[in-house]
Amino acid sequence: MPRWPRRRDTATFGEARLRAALVAAAGQPPSALIDRVLRAVDDWVDGQAHDDIAMLAVGASAPA
């Protein structure tokens, strides 16, 4: 189970928040998807410092 950044109340960012961020960025290029998820994490931690976030987004197009 991934360990997402935590707020002081010890709640985790969690899978539901991650899914919501991914849905909000659906259809966007990989870089926009990563930006959206990072913004969601930054908003969620409300200015608190965080680290250890690694993401990989891969784009693919339909075969020609």
C-alpha atoms as a PDB file:
ATOM      1  CA  MET A   1       0.000   0.000   0.000  1.00  0.00           C
ATOM      2  CA  PRO A   2       1.527   3.380  -0.998  1.00  0.00           C
ATOM      3  CA  ARG A   3       2.298   5.887   1.734  1.00  0.00           C
ATOM      4  CA  TRP A   4       0.960   9.245   0.547  1.00  0.00           C
ATOM      5  CA  PRO A   5       1.925  12.542   2.178  1.00  0.00           C
ATOM      6  CA  ARG A   6       0.272  13.102   5.540  1.00  0.00           C
ATOM      7  CA  ARG A   7      -1.256  16.116   7.181  1.00  0.00           C
ATOM      8  CA  ARG A   8      -0.791  16.685  10.883  1.00  0.00           C
ATOM      9  CA  ASP A   9      -4.104  14.983  11.604  1.00  0.00           C
ATOM     10  CA  THR A  10      -2.454  11.773  10.244  1.00  0.00           C
ATOM     11  CA  ALA A  11      -4.981  11.302   7.437  1.00  0.00           C
ATOM     12  CA  THR A  12      -3.460  10.038   4.216  1.00  0.00           C
ATOM     13  CA  PHE A  13      -3.950  11.527   0.752  1.00  0.00           C
ATOM     14  CA  GLY A  14      -5.381   8.152  -0.202  1.00  0.00           C
ATOM     15  CA  GLU A  15      -6.565   6.339  -3.269  1.00  0.00           C
ATOM     16  CA  ALA A  16      -9.874   8.220  -3.555  1.00  0.00           C
ATOM     17  CA  ARG A  17      -8.111  11.596  -3.804  1.00  0.00           C
ATOM     18  CA  LEU A  18      -5.617  10.177  -6.278  1.00  0.00           C
ATOM     19  CA  ARG A  19      -8.414   8.781  -8.440  1.00  0.00           C
ATOM     20  CA  ALA A  20     -10.235  12.140  -8.373  1.00  0.00           C
ATOM     21  CA  ALA A  21      -7.082  13.957  -9.502  1.00  0.00           C
ATOM     22  CA  LEU A  22      -6.524  11.433 -12.294  1.00  0.00           C
ATOM     23  CA  VAL A  23     -10.133  11.697 -13.486  1.00  0.00           C
ATOM     24  CA  ALA A  24      -9.827  15.502 -13.517  1.00  0.00           C
ATOM     25  CA  ALA A  25      -6.805  15.190 -15.832  1.00  0.00           C
ATOM     26  CA  ALA A  26      -8.239  12.492 -18.120  1.00  0.00           C
ATOM     27  CA  GLY A  27      -7.295  12.968 -21.762  1.00  0.00           C
ATOM     28  CA  GLN A  28      -4.424  15.324 -20.970  1.00  0.00           C
ATOM     29  CA  PRO A  29      -0.786  14.669 -21.893  1.00  0.00           C
ATOM     30  CA  PRO A  30       1.346  12.897 -19.265  1.00  0.00           C
ATOM     31  CA  SER A  31       3.011  16.117 -18.079  1.00  0.00           C
ATOM     32  CA  ALA A  32      -0.400  17.720 -17.403  1.00  0.00           C
ATOM     33  CA  LEU A  33      -1.513  14.624 -15.503  1.00  0.00           C
ATOM     34  CA  ILE A  34       1.559  14.816 -13.264  1.00  0.00           C
ATOM     35  CA  ASP A  35       1.020  18.553 -12.723  1.00  0.00           C
ATOM     36  CA  ARG A  36      -2.613  17.924 -11.727  1.00  0.00           C
ATOM     37  CA  VAL A  37      -1.723  15.257  -9.193  1.00  0.00           C
ATOM     38  CA  LEU A  38       1.070  17.385  -7.699  1.00  0.00           C
ATOM     39  CA  ARG A  39      -1.324  20.351  -7.388  1.00  0.00           C
ATOM     40  CA  ALA A  40      -3.851  18.112  -5.646  1.00  0.00           C
ATOM     41  CA  VAL A  41      -1.202  16.962  -3.154  1.00  0.00           C
ATOM     42  CA  ASP A  42       0.001  20.539  -2.583  1.00  0.00           C
ATOM     43  CA  ASP A  43      -3.570  21.708  -1.986  1.00  0.00           C
ATOM     44  CA  TRP A  44      -4.234  18.803   0.361  1.00  0.00           C
ATOM     45  CA  VAL A  45      -1.168  19.388   2.555  1.00  0.00           C
ATOM     46  CA  ASP A  46      -2.103  23.085   2.682  1.00  0.00           C
ATOM     47  CA  GLY A  47       1.383  24.522   2.506  1.00  0.00           C
ATOM     48  CA  GLN A  48       3.097  21.969   4.723  1.00  0.00           C
ATOM     49  CA  ALA A  49       6.417  20.648   3.486  1.00  0.00           C
ATOM     50  CA  HIS A  50       6.373  17.226   1.878  1.00  0.00           C
ATOM     51  CA  ASP A  51       8.801  15.077  -0.020  1.00  0.00           C
ATOM     52  CA  ASP A  52       9.310  11.603  -1.447  1.00  0.00           C
ATOM     53  CA  ILE A  53       6.810  11.885  -4.254  1.00  0.00           C
ATOM     54  CA  ALA A  54       7.697  10.023  -7.420  1.00  0.00           C
ATOM     55  CA  MET A  55       5.402   9.695 -10.423  1.00  0.00           C
ATOM     56  CA  LEU A  56       5.591   8.203 -13.860  1.00  0.00           C
ATOM     57  CA  ALA A  57       3.011   8.969 -16.526  1.00  0.00           C
ATOM     58  CA  VAL A  58       3.211   7.359 -19.945  1.00  0.00           C
ATOM     59  CA  GLY A  59       1.295   8.460 -22.997  1.00  0.00           C
ATOM     60  CA  ALA A  60       0.329   6.255 -25.900  1.00  0.00           C
ATOM     61  CA  SER A  61      -1.509   6.834 -29.122  1.00  0.00           C
ATOM     62  CA  ALA A  62      -3.673   4.432 -31.057  1.00  0.00           C
ATOM     63  CA  PRO A  63      -1.810   2.333 -33.613  1.00  0.00           C
ATOM     64  CA  ALA A  64      -1.862   3.768 -37.094  1.00  0.00           C
END
